[in-house]
PDB file of all heavy atoms in Angstrom:
ATOM      1  N   VAL A   1      22.374  21.309  -7.060  1.00  0.00           N
ATOM      2  CA  VAL A   1      21.343  21.805  -6.275  1.00  0.00           C
ATOM      3  C   VAL A   1      20.502  22.872  -6.993  1.00  0.00           C
ATOM      4  O   VAL A   1      21.090  23.847  -7.536  1.00  0.00           O
ATOM      5  CB  VAL A   1      21.765  22.377  -4.908  1.00  0.00           C
ATOM      6  CG1 VAL A   1      20.665  22.931  -4.148  1.00  0.00           C
ATOM      7  CG2 VAL A   1      22.623  21.349  -4.056  1.00  0.00           C
ATOM      8  N   PRO A   2      19.290  22.702  -7.262  1.00  0.00           N
ATOM      9  CA  PRO A   2      18.450  23.671  -7.995  1.00  0.00           C
ATOM     10  C   PRO A   2      18.553  25.154  -7.363  1.00  0.00           C
ATOM     11  O   PRO A   2      18.778  25.241  -6.190  1.00  0.00           O
ATOM     12  CB  PRO A   2      17.044  23.121  -7.904  1.00  0.00           C
ATOM     13  CG  PRO A   2      17.182  21.712  -7.708  1.00  0.00           C
ATOM     14  CD  PRO A   2      18.450  21.578  -6.826  1.00  0.00           C
ATOM     15  N   ASP A   3      18.429  26.096  -8.077  1.00  0.00           N
ATOM     16  CA  ASP A   3      18.648  27.429  -7.644  1.00  0.00           C
ATOM     17  C   ASP A   3      17.427  28.166  -7.090  1.00  0.00           C
ATOM     18  O   ASP A   3      17.531  29.249  -6.802  1.00  0.00           O
ATOM     19  CB  ASP A   3      19.225  28.410  -8.784  1.00  0.00           C
ATOM     20  CG  ASP A   3      18.279  28.585  -9.877  1.00  0.00           C
ATOM     21  OD1 ASP A   3      17.312  27.989  -9.970  1.00  0.00           O
ATOM     22  OD2 ASP A   3      18.518  29.471 -10.723  1.00  0.00           O
ATOM     23  N   ASN A   4      16.183  27.410  -7.118  1.00  0.00           N
ATOM     24  CA  ASN A   4      15.075  28.015  -6.591  1.00  0.00           C
ATOM     25  C   ASN A   4      14.261  27.002  -5.715  1.00  0.00           C
ATOM     26  O   ASN A   4      14.498  25.849  -5.793  1.00  0.00           O
ATOM     27  CB  ASN A   4      14.189  28.520  -7.714  1.00  0.00           C
ATOM     28  CG  ASN A   4      13.597  27.460  -8.555  1.00  0.00           C
ATOM     29  OD1 ASN A   4      12.653  26.859  -8.092  1.00  0.00           O
ATOM     30  ND2 ASN A   4      14.108  27.246  -9.775  1.00  0.00           N
ATOM     31  N   ALA A   5      13.521  27.562  -4.781  1.00  0.00           N
ATOM     32  CA  ALA A   5      12.693  26.841  -3.749  1.00  0.00           C
ATOM     33  C   ALA A   5      11.893  25.847  -4.364  1.00  0.00           C
ATOM     34  O   ALA A   5      11.770  24.722  -3.841  1.00  0.00           O
ATOM     35  CB  ALA A   5      12.064  27.740  -2.783  1.00  0.00           C
ATOM     36  N   LEU A   6      11.196  26.244  -5.371  1.00  0.00           N
ATOM     37  CA  LEU A   6      10.132  25.234  -5.994  1.00  0.00           C
ATOM     38  C   LEU A   6      10.867  24.055  -6.582  1.00  0.00           C
ATOM     39  O   LEU A   6      10.431  22.885  -6.403  1.00  0.00           O
ATOM     40  CB  LEU A   6       9.358  25.898  -7.027  1.00  0.00           C
ATOM     41  CG  LEU A   6       8.332  25.091  -7.814  1.00  0.00           C
ATOM     42  CD1 LEU A   6       7.308  24.412  -6.843  1.00  0.00           C
ATOM     43  CD2 LEU A   6       7.598  25.781  -8.839  1.00  0.00           C
ATOM     44  N   ALA A   7      11.915  24.169  -7.279  1.00  0.00           N
ATOM     45  CA  ALA A   7      12.710  23.089  -7.857  1.00  0.00           C
ATOM     46  C   ALA A   7      13.370  22.327  -6.823  1.00  0.00           C
ATOM     47  O   ALA A   7      13.370  21.062  -6.926  1.00  0.00           O
ATOM     48  CB  ALA A   7      13.892  23.699  -8.840  1.00  0.00           C
ATOM     49  N   ARG A   8      13.802  22.904  -5.593  1.00  0.00           N
ATOM     50  CA  ARG A   8      14.384  22.141  -4.571  1.00  0.00           C
ATOM     51  C   ARG A   8      13.240  21.244  -3.971  1.00  0.00           C
ATOM     52  O   ARG A   8      13.445  20.170  -3.539  1.00  0.00           O
ATOM     53  CB  ARG A   8      15.067  23.028  -3.629  1.00  0.00           C
ATOM     54  CG  ARG A   8      16.459  23.543  -4.125  1.00  0.00           C
ATOM     55  CD  ARG A   8      17.255  24.247  -3.026  1.00  0.00           C
ATOM     56  NE  ARG A   8      16.535  25.416  -2.402  1.00  0.00           N
ATOM     57  CZ  ARG A   8      16.503  26.630  -2.996  1.00  0.00           C
ATOM     58  NH1 ARG A   8      17.256  26.825  -4.015  1.00  0.00           N
ATOM     59  NH2 ARG A   8      15.944  27.674  -2.377  1.00  0.00           N
ATOM     60  N   GLU A   9      12.168  21.851  -3.709  1.00  0.00           N
ATOM     61  CA  GLU A   9      10.991  21.111  -3.227  1.00  0.00           C
ATOM     62  C   GLU A   9      10.607  19.979  -4.067  1.00  0.00           C
ATOM     63  O   GLU A   9      10.354  18.829  -3.543  1.00  0.00           O
ATOM     64  CB  GLU A   9       9.774  22.024  -2.967  1.00  0.00           C
ATOM     65  CG  GLU A   9       8.567  21.332  -2.421  1.00  0.00           C
ATOM     66  CD  GLU A   9       7.337  22.229  -2.319  1.00  0.00           C
ATOM     67  OE1 GLU A   9       7.271  23.348  -2.828  1.00  0.00           O
ATOM     68  OE2 GLU A   9       6.349  21.799  -1.571  1.00  0.00           O
ATOM     69  N   PHE A  10      10.604  20.109  -5.356  1.00  0.00           N
ATOM     70  CA  PHE A  10      10.329  19.068  -6.299  1.00  0.00           C
ATOM     71  C   PHE A  10      11.329  17.937  -6.218  1.00  0.00           C
ATOM     72  O   PHE A  10      10.927  16.782  -6.085  1.00  0.00           O
ATOM     73  CB  PHE A  10      10.164  19.616  -7.797  1.00  0.00           C
ATOM     74  CG  PHE A  10      10.021  18.566  -8.706  1.00  0.00           C
ATOM     75  CD1 PHE A  10       8.775  18.065  -8.989  1.00  0.00           C
ATOM     76  CD2 PHE A  10      11.089  17.909  -9.402  1.00  0.00           C
ATOM     77  CE1 PHE A  10       8.470  16.968  -9.958  1.00  0.00           C
ATOM     78  CE2 PHE A  10      10.855  16.904 -10.308  1.00  0.00           C
ATOM     79  CZ  PHE A  10       9.572  16.438 -10.603  1.00  0.00           C
ATOM     80  N   ARG A  11      12.673  18.321  -6.202  1.00  0.00           N
ATOM     81  CA  ARG A  11      13.692  17.412  -5.996  1.00  0.00           C
ATOM     82  C   ARG A  11      13.560  16.541  -4.825  1.00  0.00           C
ATOM     83  O   ARG A  11      13.761  15.317  -4.756  1.00  0.00           O
ATOM     84  CB  ARG A  11      15.094  17.997  -6.161  1.00  0.00           C
ATOM     85  CG  ARG A  11      16.229  17.048  -6.056  1.00  0.00           C
ATOM     86  CD  ARG A  11      17.586  17.643  -5.427  1.00  0.00           C
ATOM     87  NE  ARG A  11      17.077  18.286  -4.155  1.00  0.00           N
ATOM     88  CZ  ARG A  11      17.837  19.352  -3.542  1.00  0.00           C
ATOM     89  NH1 ARG A  11      18.900  19.672  -4.106  1.00  0.00           N
ATOM     90  NH2 ARG A  11      17.386  19.826  -2.463  1.00  0.00           N
ATOM     91  N   ASP A  12      13.299  17.288  -3.699  1.00  0.00           N
ATOM     92  CA  ASP A  12      13.145  16.650  -2.456  1.00  0.00           C
ATOM     93  C   ASP A  12      11.961  15.666  -2.374  1.00  0.00           C
ATOM     94  O   ASP A  12      12.192  14.561  -1.819  1.00  0.00           O
ATOM     95  CB  ASP A  12      13.048  17.609  -1.309  1.00  0.00           C
ATOM     96  CG  ASP A  12      14.423  18.458  -1.154  1.00  0.00           C
ATOM     97  OD1 ASP A  12      15.404  18.072  -1.678  1.00  0.00           O
ATOM     98  OD2 ASP A  12      14.338  19.419  -0.397  1.00  0.00           O
ATOM     99  N   TRP A  13      10.779  16.084  -2.865  1.00  0.00           N
ATOM    100  CA  TRP A  13       9.653  15.154  -2.899  1.00  0.00           C
ATOM    101  C   TRP A  13       9.992  14.023  -3.800  1.00  0.00           C
ATOM    102  O   TRP A  13       9.543  12.822  -3.400  1.00  0.00           O
ATOM    103  CB  TRP A  13       8.455  15.924  -3.324  1.00  0.00           C
ATOM    104  CG  TRP A  13       7.615  16.548  -2.217  1.00  0.00           C
ATOM    105  CD1 TRP A  13       7.464  17.792  -2.043  1.00  0.00           C
ATOM    106  CD2 TRP A  13       6.991  15.915  -1.197  1.00  0.00           C
ATOM    107  NE1 TRP A  13       6.711  17.986  -0.896  1.00  0.00           N
ATOM    108  CE2 TRP A  13       6.429  16.895  -0.362  1.00  0.00           C
ATOM    109  CE3 TRP A  13       6.899  14.557  -0.728  1.00  0.00           C
ATOM    110  CZ2 TRP A  13       5.779  16.622   0.852  1.00  0.00           C
ATOM    111  CZ3 TRP A  13       6.283  14.178   0.370  1.00  0.00           C
ATOM    112  CH2 TRP A  13       5.637  15.246   1.176  1.00  0.00           C
ATOM    113  N   ALA A  14      10.535  14.163  -4.945  1.00  0.00           N
ATOM    114  CA  ALA A  14      10.902  13.027  -5.888  1.00  0.00           C
ATOM    115  C   ALA A  14      11.788  12.020  -5.136  1.00  0.00           C
ATOM    116  O   ALA A  14      11.512  10.860  -5.210  1.00  0.00           O
ATOM    117  CB  ALA A  14      11.555  13.521  -7.082  1.00  0.00           C
ATOM    118  N   GLY A  15      12.736  12.434  -4.413  1.00  0.00           N
ATOM    119  CA  GLY A  15      13.581  11.473  -3.571  1.00  0.00           C
ATOM    120  C   GLY A  15      12.683  10.835  -2.507  1.00  0.00           C
ATOM    121  O   GLY A  15      13.040   9.666  -2.307  1.00  0.00           O
ATOM    122  N   ARG A  16      11.805  11.551  -1.843  1.00  0.00           N
ATOM    123  CA  ARG A  16      11.057  10.834  -0.805  1.00  0.00           C
ATOM    124  C   ARG A  16      10.102   9.850  -1.495  1.00  0.00           C
ATOM    125  O   ARG A  16      10.038   8.724  -0.887  1.00  0.00           O
ATOM    126  CB  ARG A  16      10.317  11.907  -0.017  1.00  0.00           C
ATOM    127  CG  ARG A  16      11.054  12.721   0.844  1.00  0.00           C
ATOM    128  CD  ARG A  16      10.130  13.639   1.667  1.00  0.00           C
ATOM    129  NE  ARG A  16      10.870  14.731   2.215  1.00  0.00           N
ATOM    130  CZ  ARG A  16      10.832  16.038   1.797  1.00  0.00           C
ATOM    131  NH1 ARG A  16       9.930  16.386   0.769  1.00  0.00           N
ATOM    132  NH2 ARG A  16      11.566  17.006   2.270  1.00  0.00           N
ATOM    133  N   ILE A  17       9.485  10.148  -2.527  1.00  0.00           N
ATOM    134  CA  ILE A  17       8.704   9.213  -3.213  1.00  0.00           C
ATOM    135  C   ILE A  17       9.350   7.993  -3.648  1.00  0.00           C
ATOM    136  O   ILE A  17       8.993   6.814  -3.560  1.00  0.00           O
ATOM    137  CB  ILE A  17       7.879   9.873  -4.386  1.00  0.00           C
ATOM    138  CG1 ILE A  17       6.812  10.842  -3.892  1.00  0.00           C
ATOM    139  CG2 ILE A  17       7.197   8.819  -5.293  1.00  0.00           C
ATOM    140  CD1 ILE A  17       6.290  11.852  -4.954  1.00  0.00           C
ATOM    141  N   ASN A  18      10.505   8.285  -4.359  1.00  0.00           N
ATOM    142  CA  ASN A  18      11.418   7.152  -4.836  1.00  0.00           C
ATOM    143  C   ASN A  18      11.731   6.207  -3.772  1.00  0.00           C
ATOM    144  O   ASN A  18      11.837   5.002  -3.776  1.00  0.00           O
ATOM    145  CB  ASN A  18      12.647   7.667  -5.599  1.00  0.00           C
ATOM    146  CG  ASN A  18      12.286   8.193  -6.901  1.00  0.00           C
ATOM    147  OD1 ASN A  18      11.173   8.022  -7.401  1.00  0.00           O
ATOM    148  ND2 ASN A  18      13.168   8.955  -7.534  1.00  0.00           N
ATOM    149  N   GLN A  19      12.175   6.787  -2.558  1.00  0.00           N
ATOM    150  CA  GLN A  19      12.561   6.032  -1.242  1.00  0.00           C
ATOM    151  C   GLN A  19      11.364   5.189  -0.811  1.00  0.00           C
ATOM    152  O   GLN A  19      11.665   4.016  -0.474  1.00  0.00           O
ATOM    153  CB  GLN A  19      13.109   6.891  -0.216  1.00  0.00           C
ATOM    154  CG  GLN A  19      14.519   7.494  -0.521  1.00  0.00           C
ATOM    155  CD  GLN A  19      15.044   8.310   0.657  1.00  0.00           C
ATOM    156  OE1 GLN A  19      15.049   7.761   1.767  1.00  0.00           O
ATOM    157  NE2 GLN A  19      15.323   9.586   0.440  1.00  0.00           N
ATOM    158  N   ALA A  20      10.248   5.758  -0.765  1.00  0.00           N
ATOM    159  CA  ALA A  20       9.093   5.075  -0.260  1.00  0.00           C
ATOM    160  C   ALA A  20       8.714   3.896  -1.173  1.00  0.00           C
ATOM    161  O   ALA A  20       8.411   2.791  -0.633  1.00  0.00           O
ATOM    162  CB  ALA A  20       7.927   6.050  -0.117  1.00  0.00           C
ATOM    163  N   VAL A  21       8.665   4.137  -2.419  1.00  0.00           N
ATOM    164  CA  VAL A  21       8.322   3.041  -3.391  1.00  0.00           C
ATOM    165  C   VAL A  21       9.459   1.929  -3.414  1.00  0.00           C
ATOM    166  O   VAL A  21       9.150   0.778  -3.415  1.00  0.00           O
ATOM    167  CB  VAL A  21       7.988   3.635  -4.782  1.00  0.00           C
ATOM    168  CG1 VAL A  21       7.861   2.433  -5.766  1.00  0.00           C
ATOM    169  CG2 VAL A  21       6.812   4.486  -4.733  1.00  0.00           C
ATOM    170  N   ALA A  22      10.739   2.421  -3.338  1.00  0.00           N
ATOM    171  CA  ALA A  22      11.836   1.402  -3.376  1.00  0.00           C
ATOM    172  C   ALA A  22      11.829   0.502  -2.114  1.00  0.00           C
ATOM    173  O   ALA A  22      12.128  -0.585  -2.245  1.00  0.00           O
ATOM    174  CB  ALA A  22      13.100   2.176  -3.440  1.00  0.00           C
ATOM    175  N   ALA A  23      11.366   1.080  -0.917  1.00  0.00           N
ATOM    176  CA  ALA A  23      11.365   0.239   0.245  1.00  0.00           C
ATOM    177  C   ALA A  23      10.341  -0.761   0.175  1.00  0.00           C
ATOM    178  O   ALA A  23      10.471  -1.953   0.728  1.00  0.00           O
ATOM    179  CB  ALA A  23      11.005   1.173   1.425  1.00  0.00           C
ATOM    180  N   GLN A  24       9.209  -0.596  -0.610  1.00  0.00           N
ATOM    181  CA  GLN A  24       8.129  -1.445  -0.798  1.00  0.00           C
ATOM    182  C   GLN A  24       8.314  -2.489  -1.933  1.00  0.00           C
ATOM    183  O   GLN A  24       7.781  -3.455  -1.941  1.00  0.00           O
ATOM    184  CB  GLN A  24       6.885  -0.696  -0.974  1.00  0.00           C
ATOM    185  CG  GLN A  24       5.643  -1.531  -0.704  1.00  0.00           C
ATOM    186  CD  GLN A  24       4.439  -0.603  -0.502  1.00  0.00           C
ATOM    187  OE1 GLN A  24       4.448   0.659  -0.369  1.00  0.00           O
ATOM    188  NE2 GLN A  24       3.256  -1.175  -0.590  1.00  0.00           N
ATOM    189  N   ALA A  25       9.209  -2.050  -2.893  1.00  0.00           N
ATOM    190  CA  ALA A  25       9.384  -2.768  -4.059  1.00  0.00           C
ATOM    191  C   ALA A  25      10.142  -4.077  -3.923  1.00  0.00           C
ATOM    192  O   ALA A  25      11.063  -4.068  -2.991  1.00  0.00           O
ATOM    193  CB  ALA A  25      10.100  -1.972  -5.192  1.00  0.00           C
ATOM    194  N   ASP A  26       9.667  -5.142  -4.671  1.00  0.00           N
ATOM    195  CA  ASP A  26      10.543  -6.351  -4.722  1.00  0.00           C
ATOM    196  C   ASP A  26      11.848  -6.185  -5.451  1.00  0.00           C
ATOM    197  O   ASP A  26      12.850  -6.797  -5.206  1.00  0.00           O
ATOM    198  CB  ASP A  26       9.712  -7.404  -5.298  1.00  0.00           C
ATOM    199  CG  ASP A  26       8.333  -7.691  -4.514  1.00  0.00           C
ATOM    200  OD1 ASP A  26       8.407  -8.053  -3.412  1.00  0.00           O
ATOM    201  OD2 ASP A  26       7.343  -7.278  -5.167  1.00  0.00           O
ATOM    202  N   ARG A  27      11.717  -5.375  -6.519  1.00  0.00           N
ATOM    203  CA  ARG A  27      12.938  -5.104  -7.367  1.00  0.00           C
ATOM    204  C   ARG A  27      13.047  -3.693  -7.705  1.00  0.00           C
ATOM    205  O   ARG A  27      12.079  -2.949  -7.876  1.00  0.00           O
ATOM    206  CB  ARG A  27      12.829  -5.945  -8.705  1.00  0.00           C
ATOM    207  CG  ARG A  27      12.612  -7.380  -8.506  1.00  0.00           C
ATOM    208  CD  ARG A  27      12.734  -8.226  -9.785  1.00  0.00           C
ATOM    209  NE  ARG A  27      11.848  -7.766 -10.851  1.00  0.00           N
ATOM    210  CZ  ARG A  27      11.926  -8.356 -12.073  1.00  0.00           C
ATOM    211  NH1 ARG A  27      12.731  -9.306 -12.349  1.00  0.00           N
ATOM    212  NH2 ARG A  27      11.101  -7.898 -13.102  1.00  0.00           N
ATOM    213  N   VAL A  28      14.276  -3.236  -7.780  1.00  0.00           N
ATOM    214  CA  VAL A  28      14.653  -1.800  -8.144  1.00  0.00           C
ATOM    215  C   VAL A  28      15.805  -1.857  -9.027  1.00  0.00           C
ATOM    216  O   VAL A  28      16.813  -2.457  -8.867  1.00  0.00           O
ATOM    217  CB  VAL A  28      14.991  -0.949  -6.802  1.00  0.00           C
ATOM    218  CG1 VAL A  28      15.254   0.578  -7.350  1.00  0.00           C
ATOM    219  CG2 VAL A  28      13.845  -0.962  -5.817  1.00  0.00           C
ATOM    220  N   PHE A  29      15.608  -1.154 -10.188  1.00  0.00           N
ATOM    221  CA  PHE A  29      16.698  -1.096 -11.141  1.00  0.00           C
ATOM    222  C   PHE A  29      17.044   0.443 -11.422  1.00  0.00           C
ATOM    223  O   PHE A  29      16.140   1.283 -11.355  1.00  0.00           O
ATOM    224  CB  PHE A  29      16.195  -1.663 -12.483  1.00  0.00           C
ATOM    225  CG  PHE A  29      15.911  -3.070 -12.426  1.00  0.00           C
ATOM    226  CD1 PHE A  29      14.618  -3.592 -12.220  1.00  0.00           C
ATOM    227  CD2 PHE A  29      16.942  -4.032 -12.484  1.00  0.00           C
ATOM    228  CE1 PHE A  29      14.313  -4.839 -12.253  1.00  0.00           C
ATOM    229  CE2 PHE A  29      16.624  -5.414 -12.381  1.00  0.00           C
ATOM    230  CZ  PHE A  29      15.321  -5.838 -12.211  1.00  0.00           C
TER     231      PHE A  29
END
């Protein structure tokens, strides 16, 4: 877990974006 709020926010947004795109994707590797 990142030690600062900005890095945690970045990690959380990256996870949300990856989930949104993966849900729509035909293939995920």
